[in-house]
Amino acid sequence: MYFDEEDRWIRLERNGVEIAISDGEFQGDAGAGGEEAVAAVDVEDVKAEAERLREDGVRVGVVLEIPGAIRLLDVFDPDGNRLQLTQEI
C-alpha cells in the first residue's frame, strides 16, 4: 500500500489486515538513542482493551494519548516482549 524509502518503512494490506514494518532507524533519529522496534496493532478502543487485558492478568502499561491524534498502550507477553496497541482518535 505504501513504501517510504527515505524513512525506510512499508505498509502492507491483505484480506483486510494491515501491517507496517520499519527497520527502526529513521533518518531523523540518527544518534537519538536506539529505541527498539515494536509491533503495533490497531484496535477500536485502546482504553477498553487495556481494562480487559488487566482483568485477564496481562501486564500492560499506561494508556498514552497524543490529543487529537493517537492513543498508545504497551502490552507485554509472559517473557517480557513488548507490543503496542494503537487507536487513531
PDB file of N, CA and C in Angstrom:
ATOM      1  N   MET A   1       0.806  -1.186   0.000  1.00  0.00           N
ATOM      2  CA  MET A   1       0.000   0.000   0.000  1.00  0.00           C
ATOM      3  C   MET A   1       0.857   1.260   0.000  1.00  0.00           C
ATOM      4  N   TYR A   2       2.009   1.184   0.710  1.00  0.00           N
ATOM      5  CA  TYR A   2       2.840   2.372   0.834  1.00  0.00           C
ATOM      6  C   TYR A   2       4.284   1.952   1.090  1.00  0.00           C
ATOM      7  N   PHE A   3       5.218   2.673   0.474  1.00  0.00           N
ATOM      8  CA  PHE A   3       6.642   2.415   0.676  1.00  0.00           C
ATOM      9  C   PHE A   3       7.353   3.750   0.794  1.00  0.00           C
ATOM     10  N   ASP A   4       8.118   3.928   1.854  1.00  0.00           N
ATOM     11  CA  ASP A   4       8.871   5.161   2.073  1.00  0.00           C
ATOM     12  C   ASP A   4      10.347   4.792   2.186  1.00  0.00           C
ATOM     13  N   GLU A   5      11.062   4.944   1.079  1.00  0.00           N
ATOM     14  CA  GLU A   5      12.466   4.538   1.046  1.00  0.00           C
ATOM     15  C   GLU A   5      13.333   5.402   1.949  1.00  0.00           C
ATOM     16  N   GLU A   6      13.044   6.700   2.019  1.00  0.00           N
ATOM     17  CA  GLU A   6      13.874   7.601   2.823  1.00  0.00           C
ATOM     18  C   GLU A   6      13.791   7.264   4.312  1.00  0.00           C
ATOM     19  N   ASP A   7      12.578   7.094   4.847  1.00  0.00           N
ATOM     20  CA  ASP A   7      12.425   6.763   6.265  1.00  0.00           C
ATOM     21  C   ASP A   7      12.446   5.258   6.519  1.00  0.00           C
ATOM     22  N   ARG A   8      12.516   4.473   5.444  1.00  0.00           N
ATOM     23  CA  ARG A   8      12.700   3.027   5.496  1.00  0.00           C
ATOM     24  C   ARG A   8      11.583   2.290   6.233  1.00  0.00           C
ATOM     25  N   TRP A   9      10.356   2.469   5.708  1.00  0.00           N
ATOM     26  CA  TRP A   9       9.242   1.681   6.217  1.00  0.00           C
ATOM     27  C   TRP A   9       8.256   1.405   5.101  1.00  0.00           C
ATOM     28  N   ILE A  10       7.424   0.389   5.325  1.00  0.00           N
ATOM     29  CA  ILE A  10       6.460  -0.052   4.320  1.00  0.00           C
ATOM     30  C   ILE A  10       5.163  -0.428   5.018  1.00  0.00           C
ATOM     31  N   ARG A  11       4.048  -0.227   4.339  1.00  0.00           N
ATOM     32  CA  ARG A  11       2.741  -0.631   4.851  1.00  0.00           C
ATOM     33  C   ARG A  11       2.123  -1.592   3.851  1.00  0.00           C
ATOM     34  N   LEU A  12       1.696  -2.745   4.348  1.00  0.00           N
ATOM     35  CA  LEU A  12       1.127  -3.788   3.501  1.00  0.00           C
ATOM     36  C   LEU A  12      -0.302  -4.085   3.943  1.00  0.00           C
ATOM     37  N   GLU A  13      -1.127  -4.566   3.009  1.00  0.00           N
ATOM     38  CA  GLU A  13      -2.500  -4.951   3.326  1.00  0.00           C
ATOM     39  C   GLU A  13      -2.853  -6.209   2.550  1.00  0.00           C
ATOM     40  N   ARG A  14      -3.531  -7.134   3.235  1.00  0.00           N
ATOM     41  CA  ARG A  14      -4.011  -8.346   2.573  1.00  0.00           C
ATOM     42  C   ARG A  14      -5.232  -8.851   3.328  1.00  0.00           C
ATOM     43  N   ASN A  15      -6.285  -9.072   2.596  1.00  0.00           N
ATOM     44  CA  ASN A  15      -7.531  -9.604   3.164  1.00  0.00           C
ATOM     45  C   ASN A  15      -8.005  -8.801   4.374  1.00  0.00           C
ATOM     46  N   GLY A  16      -7.884  -7.478   4.303  1.00  0.00           N
ATOM     47  CA  GLY A  16      -8.373  -6.625   5.373  1.00  0.00           C
ATOM     48  C   GLY A  16      -7.437  -6.440   6.543  1.00  0.00           C
ATOM     49  N   VAL A  17      -6.259  -7.068   6.512  1.00  0.00           N
ATOM     50  CA  VAL A  17      -5.277  -6.924   7.595  1.00  0.00           C
ATOM     51  C   VAL A  17      -4.135  -6.054   7.096  1.00  0.00           C
ATOM     52  N   GLU A  18      -3.810  -5.007   7.865  1.00  0.00           N
ATOM     53  CA  GLU A  18      -2.711  -4.119   7.512  1.00  0.00           C
ATOM     54  C   GLU A  18      -1.554  -4.310   8.484  1.00  0.00           C
ATOM     55  N   ILE A  19      -0.344  -4.174   7.978  1.00  0.00           N
ATOM     56  CA  ILE A  19       0.846  -4.225   8.813  1.00  0.00           C
ATOM     57  C   ILE A  19       1.843  -3.199   8.274  1.00  0.00           C
ATOM     58  N   ALA A  20       2.484  -2.498   9.194  1.00  0.00           N
ATOM     59  CA  ALA A  20       3.537  -1.550   8.828  1.00  0.00           C
ATOM     60  C   ALA A  20       4.840  -2.063   9.420  1.00  0.00           C
ATOM     61  N   ILE A  21       5.893  -2.023   8.620  1.00  0.00           N
ATOM     62  CA  ILE A  21       7.198  -2.541   9.046  1.00  0.00           C
ATOM     63  C   ILE A  21       8.241  -1.464   8.812  1.00  0.00           C
ATOM     64  N   SER A  22       9.102  -1.275   9.820  1.00  0.00           N
ATOM     65  CA  SER A  22      10.187  -0.306   9.724  1.00  0.00           C
ATOM     66  C   SER A  22      11.460  -0.962  10.217  1.00  0.00           C
ATOM     67  N   ASP A  23      12.600  -0.470   9.732  1.00  0.00           N
ATOM     68  CA  ASP A  23      13.848  -1.012  10.263  1.00  0.00           C
ATOM     69  C   ASP A  23      14.213  -0.345  11.588  1.00  0.00           C
ATOM     70  N   GLY A  24      13.409   0.619  12.030  1.00  0.00           N
ATOM     71  CA  GLY A  24      13.609   1.237  13.333  1.00  0.00           C
ATOM     72  C   GLY A  24      14.664   2.315  13.372  1.00  0.00           C
ATOM     73  N   GLU A  25      15.255   2.641  12.246  1.00  0.00           N
ATOM     74  CA  GLU A  25      16.306   3.651  12.209  1.00  0.00           C
ATOM     75  C   GLU A  25      15.934   4.747  11.232  1.00  0.00           C
ATOM     76  N   PHE A  26      14.944   5.560  11.603  1.00  0.00           N
ATOM     77  CA  PHE A  26      14.547   6.668  10.750  1.00  0.00           C
ATOM     78  C   PHE A  26      15.704   7.641  10.623  1.00  0.00           C
ATOM     79  N   GLN A  27      15.872   8.224   9.455  1.00  0.00           N
ATOM     80  CA  GLN A  27      16.988   9.136   9.233  1.00  0.00           C
ATOM     81  C   GLN A  27      16.964  10.298  10.207  1.00  0.00           C
ATOM     82  N   GLY A  28      15.809  10.793  10.567  1.00  0.00           N
ATOM     83  CA  GLY A  28      15.706  11.898  11.506  1.00  0.00           C
ATOM     84  C   GLY A  28      16.081  11.512  12.920  1.00  0.00           C
ATOM     85  N   ASP A  29      16.223  10.223  13.212  1.00  0.00           N
ATOM     86  CA  ASP A  29      16.533   9.757  14.557  1.00  0.00           C
ATOM     87  C   ASP A  29      17.992   9.371  14.730  1.00  0.00           C
ATOM     88  N   ALA A  30      18.823   9.637  13.763  1.00  0.00           N
ATOM     89  CA  ALA A  30      20.216   9.198  13.842  1.00  0.00           C
ATOM     90  C   ALA A  30      20.847   9.671  15.139  1.00  0.00           C
ATOM     91  N   GLY A  31      21.376   8.732  15.896  1.00  0.00           N
ATOM     92  CA  GLY A  31      22.040   9.049  17.147  1.00  0.00           C
ATOM     93  C   GLY A  31      21.099   9.389  18.284  1.00  0.00           C
ATOM     94  N   ALA A  32      19.807   9.122  18.130  1.00  0.00           N
ATOM     95  CA  ALA A  32      18.823   9.534  19.137  1.00  0.00           C
ATOM     96  C   ALA A  32      18.717   8.566  20.303  1.00  0.00           C
ATOM     97  N   GLY A  33      19.441   7.492  20.323  1.00  0.00           N
ATOM     98  CA  GLY A  33      19.405   6.633  21.490  1.00  0.00           C
ATOM     99  C   GLY A  33      18.926   5.220  21.245  1.00  0.00           C
ATOM    100  N   GLY A  34      18.576   4.861  20.022  1.00  0.00           N
ATOM    101  CA  GLY A  34      18.314   3.470  19.676  1.00  0.00           C
ATOM    102  C   GLY A  34      17.097   2.827  20.302  1.00  0.00           C
ATOM    103  N   GLU A  35      15.937   3.437  20.249  1.00  0.00           N
ATOM    104  CA  GLU A  35      14.703   2.818  20.716  1.00  0.00           C
ATOM    105  C   GLU A  35      14.485   1.531  19.928  1.00  0.00           C
ATOM    106  N   GLU A  36      14.098   0.447  20.620  1.00  0.00           N
ATOM    107  CA  GLU A  36      13.888  -0.829  19.956  1.00  0.00           C
ATOM    108  C   GLU A  36      12.619  -0.808  19.112  1.00  0.00           C
ATOM    109  N   ALA A  37      12.604  -1.606  18.082  1.00  0.00           N
ATOM    110  CA  ALA A  37      11.422  -1.718  17.226  1.00  0.00           C
ATOM    111  C   ALA A  37      10.327  -2.448  17.987  1.00  0.00           C
ATOM    112  N   VAL A  38       9.084  -2.123  17.690  1.00  0.00           N
ATOM    113  CA  VAL A  38       7.950  -2.753  18.357  1.00  0.00           C
ATOM    114  C   VAL A  38       6.832  -2.957  17.336  1.00  0.00           C
ATOM    115  N   ALA A  39       6.151  -4.100  17.437  1.00  0.00           N
ATOM    116  CA  ALA A  39       4.985  -4.352  16.590  1.00  0.00           C
ATOM    117  C   ALA A  39       3.817  -3.564  17.151  1.00  0.00           C
ATOM    118  N   ALA A  40       3.060  -2.918  16.275  1.00  0.00           N
ATOM    119  CA  ALA A  40       1.896  -2.141  16.686  1.00  0.00           C
ATOM    120  C   ALA A  40       0.647  -2.707  16.031  1.00  0.00           C
ATOM    121  N   VAL A  41      -0.407  -2.840  16.822  1.00  0.00           N
ATOM    122  CA  VAL A  41      -1.670  -3.395  16.344  1.00  0.00           C
ATOM    123  C   VAL A  41      -2.759  -2.354  16.573  1.00  0.00           C
ATOM    124  N   ASP A  42      -3.471  -1.975  15.512  1.00  0.00           N
ATOM    125  CA  ASP A  42      -4.577  -1.029  15.635  1.00  0.00           C
ATOM    126  C   ASP A  42      -5.788  -1.730  16.241  1.00  0.00           C
ATOM    127  N   VAL A  43      -6.424  -1.072  17.214  1.00  0.00           N
ATOM    128  CA  VAL A  43      -7.648  -1.573  17.830  1.00  0.00           C
ATOM    129  C   VAL A  43      -8.682  -0.447  17.832  1.00  0.00           C
ATOM    130  N   GLU A  44      -9.944  -0.797  18.036  1.00  0.00           N
ATOM    131  CA  GLU A  44     -11.006   0.211  18.030  1.00  0.00           C
ATOM    132  C   GLU A  44     -10.983   1.073  19.285  1.00  0.00           C
ATOM    133  N   ASP A  45     -10.634   0.487  20.458  1.00  0.00           N
ATOM    134  CA  ASP A  45     -10.709   1.214  21.722  1.00  0.00           C
ATOM    135  C   ASP A  45      -9.570   0.771  22.637  1.00  0.00           C
ATOM    136  N   VAL A  46      -8.493   1.528  22.663  1.00  0.00           N
ATOM    137  CA  VAL A  46      -7.314   1.180  23.469  1.00  0.00           C
ATOM    138  C   VAL A  46      -7.662   1.107  24.947  1.00  0.00           C
ATOM    139  N   LYS A  47      -8.466   2.053  25.442  1.00  0.00           N
ATOM    140  CA  LYS A  47      -8.807   2.065  26.872  1.00  0.00           C
ATOM    141  C   LYS A  47      -9.579   0.807  27.271  1.00  0.00           C
ATOM    142  N   ALA A  48     -10.524   0.387  26.446  1.00  0.00           N
ATOM    143  CA  ALA A  48     -11.289  -0.829  26.734  1.00  0.00           C
ATOM    144  C   ALA A  48     -10.387  -2.056  26.693  1.00  0.00           C
ATOM    145  N   GLU A  49      -9.474  -2.102  25.727  1.00  0.00           N
ATOM    146  CA  GLU A  49      -8.543  -3.234  25.642  1.00  0.00           C
ATOM    147  C   GLU A  49      -7.617  -3.261  26.853  1.00  0.00           C
ATOM    148  N   ALA A  50      -7.161  -2.094  27.314  1.00  0.00           N
ATOM    149  CA  ALA A  50      -6.303  -2.036  28.492  1.00  0.00           C
ATOM    150  C   ALA A  50      -7.016  -2.634  29.699  1.00  0.00           C
ATOM    151  N   GLU A  51      -8.265  -2.240  29.894  1.00  0.00           N
ATOM    152  CA  GLU A  51      -9.048  -2.753  31.019  1.00  0.00           C
ATOM    153  C   GLU A  51      -9.260  -4.258  30.907  1.00  0.00           C
ATOM    154  N   ARG A  52      -9.632  -4.718  29.715  1.00  0.00           N
ATOM    155  CA  ARG A  52      -9.870  -6.154  29.501  1.00  0.00           C
ATOM    156  C   ARG A  52      -8.612  -6.974  29.755  1.00  0.00           C
ATOM    157  N   LEU A  53      -7.482  -6.508  29.237  1.00  0.00           N
ATOM    158  CA  LEU A  53      -6.227  -7.232  29.417  1.00  0.00           C
ATOM    159  C   LEU A  53      -5.790  -7.254  30.879  1.00  0.00           C
ATOM    160  N   ARG A  54      -5.935  -6.123  31.579  1.00  0.00           N
ATOM    161  CA  ARG A  54      -5.592  -6.092  33.011  1.00  0.00           C
ATOM    162  C   ARG A  54      -6.436  -7.094  33.791  1.00  0.00           C
ATOM    163  N   GLU A  55      -7.747  -7.135  33.494  1.00  0.00           N
ATOM    164  CA  GLU A  55      -8.644  -8.087  34.162  1.00  0.00           C
ATOM    165  C   GLU A  55      -8.220  -9.526  33.912  1.00  0.00           C
ATOM    166  N   ASP A  56      -7.619  -9.785  32.747  1.00  0.00           N
ATOM    167  CA  ASP A  56      -7.154 -11.134  32.410  1.00  0.00           C
ATOM    168  C   ASP A  56      -5.747 -11.419  32.940  1.00  0.00           C
ATOM    169  N   GLY A  57      -5.171 -10.456  33.674  1.00  0.00           N
ATOM    170  CA  GLY A  57      -3.860 -10.672  34.276  1.00  0.00           C
ATOM    171  C   GLY A  57      -2.681 -10.385  33.371  1.00  0.00           C
ATOM    172  N   VAL A  58      -2.921  -9.719  32.245  1.00  0.00           N
ATOM    173  CA  VAL A  58      -1.843  -9.385  31.312  1.00  0.00           C
ATOM    174  C   VAL A  58      -1.150  -8.114  31.799  1.00  0.00           C
ATOM    175  N   ARG A  59       0.164  -8.086  31.715  1.00  0.00           N
ATOM    176  CA  ARG A  59       0.940  -6.901  32.092  1.00  0.00           C
ATOM    177  C   ARG A  59       0.847  -5.865  30.979  1.00  0.00           C
ATOM    178  N   VAL A  60       0.290  -4.703  31.327  1.00  0.00           N
ATOM    179  CA  VAL A  60       0.154  -3.611  30.363  1.00  0.00           C
ATOM    180  C   VAL A  60       0.667  -2.327  30.999  1.00  0.00           C
ATOM    181  N   GLY A  61       1.032  -1.388  30.146  1.00  0.00           N
ATOM    182  CA  GLY A  61       1.483  -0.087  30.612  1.00  0.00           C
ATOM    183  C   GLY A  61       0.309   0.852  30.799  1.00  0.00           C
ATOM    184  N   VAL A  62       0.608   2.132  30.775  1.00  0.00           N
ATOM    185  CA  VAL A  62      -0.381   3.186  30.917  1.00  0.00           C
ATOM    186  C   VAL A  62      -0.780   3.660  29.521  1.00  0.00           C
ATOM    187  N   VAL A  63      -2.062   3.950  29.341  1.00  0.00           N
ATOM    188  CA  VAL A  63      -2.519   4.485  28.056  1.00  0.00           C
ATOM    189  C   VAL A  63      -1.921   5.881  27.877  1.00  0.00           C
ATOM    190  N   LEU A  64      -1.196   6.057  26.794  1.00  0.00           N
ATOM    191  CA  LEU A  64      -0.608   7.345  26.439  1.00  0.00           C
ATOM    192  C   LEU A  64      -1.450   7.932  25.323  1.00  0.00           C
ATOM    193  N   GLU A  65      -1.849   9.198  25.478  1.00  0.00           N
ATOM    194  CA  GLU A  65      -2.666   9.834  24.457  1.00  0.00           C
ATOM    195  C   GLU A  65      -1.995  11.096  23.943  1.00  0.00           C
ATOM    196  N   ILE A  66      -1.898  11.195  22.639  1.00  0.00           N
ATOM    197  CA  ILE A  66      -1.485  12.427  21.979  1.00  0.00           C
ATOM    198  C   ILE A  66      -2.787  13.036  21.483  1.00  0.00           C
ATOM    199  N   PRO A  67      -3.288  14.091  22.180  1.00  0.00           N
ATOM    200  CA  PRO A  67      -4.615  14.629  21.888  1.00  0.00           C
ATOM    201  C   PRO A  67      -4.835  14.922  20.398  1.00  0.00           C
ATOM    202  N   GLY A  68      -5.980  14.442  19.922  1.00  0.00           N
ATOM    203  CA  GLY A  68      -6.359  14.665  18.532  1.00  0.00           C
ATOM    204  C   GLY A  68      -5.621  13.805  17.530  1.00  0.00           C
ATOM    205  N   ALA A  69      -4.795  12.868  18.016  1.00  0.00           N
ATOM    206  CA  ALA A  69      -4.003  12.067  17.086  1.00  0.00           C
ATOM    207  C   ALA A  69      -4.113  10.563  17.354  1.00  0.00           C
ATOM    208  N   ILE A  70      -3.597  10.106  18.508  1.00  0.00           N
ATOM    209  CA  ILE A  70      -3.466   8.669  18.724  1.00  0.00           C
ATOM    210  C   ILE A  70      -3.430   8.330  20.212  1.00  0.00           C
ATOM    211  N   ARG A  71      -3.881   7.126  20.536  1.00  0.00           N
ATOM    212  CA  ARG A  71      -3.688   6.533  21.861  1.00  0.00           C
ATOM    213  C   ARG A  71      -2.782   5.321  21.681  1.00  0.00           C
ATOM    214  N   LEU A  72      -1.891   5.107  22.643  1.00  0.00           N
ATOM    215  CA  LEU A  72      -0.929   4.005  22.597  1.00  0.00           C
ATOM    216  C   LEU A  72      -0.950   3.244  23.913  1.00  0.00           C
ATOM    217  N   LEU A  73      -0.718   1.947  23.852  1.00  0.00           N
ATOM    218  CA  LEU A  73      -0.640   1.121  25.049  1.00  0.00           C
ATOM    219  C   LEU A  73       0.406   0.043  24.840  1.00  0.00           C
ATOM    220  N   ASP A  74       1.379  -0.026  25.739  1.00  0.00           N
ATOM    221  CA  ASP A  74       2.358  -1.109  25.702  1.00  0.00           C
ATOM    222  C   ASP A  74       1.764  -2.334  26.388  1.00  0.00           C
ATOM    223  N   VAL A  75       1.925  -3.496  25.762  1.00  0.00           N
ATOM    224  CA  VAL A  75       1.452  -4.780  26.279  1.00  0.00           C
ATOM    225  C   VAL A  75       2.645  -5.723  26.263  1.00  0.00           C
ATOM    226  N   PHE A  76       2.773  -6.528  27.335  1.00  0.00           N
ATOM    227  CA  PHE A  76       3.937  -7.408  27.466  1.00  0.00           C
ATOM    228  C   PHE A  76       3.503  -8.859  27.576  1.00  0.00           C
ATOM    229  N   ASP A  77       4.184  -9.735  26.835  1.00  0.00           N
ATOM    230  CA  ASP A  77       3.900 -11.161  26.944  1.00  0.00           C
ATOM    231  C   ASP A  77       4.608 -11.710  28.189  1.00  0.00           C
ATOM    232  N   PRO A  78       4.391 -12.979  28.532  1.00  0.00           N
ATOM    233  CA  PRO A  78       4.999 -13.531  29.744  1.00  0.00           C
ATOM    234  C   PRO A  78       6.536 -13.476  29.770  1.00  0.00           C
ATOM    235  N   ASP A  79       7.169 -13.410  28.594  1.00  0.00           N
ATOM    236  CA  ASP A  79       8.630 -13.320  28.535  1.00  0.00           C
ATOM    237  C   ASP A  79       9.126 -11.878  28.547  1.00  0.00           C
ATOM    238  N   GLY A  80       8.205 -10.908  28.622  1.00  0.00           N
ATOM    239  CA  GLY A  80       8.585  -9.500  28.666  1.00  0.00           C
ATOM    240  C   GLY A  80       8.697  -8.829  27.314  1.00  0.00           C
ATOM    241  N   ASN A  81       8.381  -9.554  26.232  1.00  0.00           N
ATOM    242  CA  ASN A  81       8.395  -8.943  24.908  1.00  0.00           C
ATOM    243  C   ASN A  81       7.256  -7.936  24.797  1.00  0.00           C
ATOM    244  N   ARG A  82       7.532  -6.805  24.195  1.00  0.00           N
ATOM    245  CA  ARG A  82       6.556  -5.721  24.122  1.00  0.00           C
ATOM    246  C   ARG A  82       5.924  -5.629  22.744  1.00  0.00           C
ATOM    247  N   LEU A  83       4.627  -5.358  22.732  1.00  0.00           N
ATOM    248  CA  LEU A  83       3.947  -4.924  21.521  1.00  0.00           C
ATOM    249  C   LEU A  83       3.096  -3.739  21.913  1.00  0.00           C
ATOM    250  N   GLN A  84       2.562  -3.048  20.953  1.00  0.00           N
ATOM    251  CA  GLN A  84       1.844  -1.820  21.228  1.00  0.00           C
ATOM    252  C   GLN A  84       0.478  -1.846  20.560  1.00  0.00           C
ATOM    253  N   LEU A  85      -0.548  -1.476  21.334  1.00  0.00           N
ATOM    254  CA  LEU A  85      -1.878  -1.295  20.777  1.00  0.00           C
ATOM    255  C   LEU A  85      -2.027   0.185  20.451  1.00  0.00           C
ATOM    256  N   THR A  86      -2.637   0.486  19.310  1.00  0.00           N
ATOM    257  CA  THR A  86      -2.804   1.877  18.885  1.00  0.00           C
ATOM    258  C   THR A  86      -4.249   2.123  18.481  1.00  0.00           C
ATOM    259  N   GLN A  87      -4.670   3.374  18.643  1.00  0.00           N
ATOM    260  CA  GLN A  87      -6.008   3.793  18.236  1.00  0.00           C
ATOM    261  C   GLN A  87      -5.916   5.218  17.713  1.00  0.00           C
ATOM    262  N   GLU A  88      -6.295   5.430  16.474  1.00  0.00           N
ATOM    263  CA  GLU A  88      -6.362   6.791  15.946  1.00  0.00           C
ATOM    264  C   GLU A  88      -7.575   7.474  16.553  1.00  0.00           C
ATOM    265  N   ILE A  89      -7.400   8.737  16.962  1.00  0.00           N
ATOM    266  CA  ILE A  89      -8.525   9.478  17.546  1.00  0.00           C
ATOM    267  C   ILE A  89      -8.741  10.797  16.826  1.00  0.00           C
TER     268      ILE A  89
END
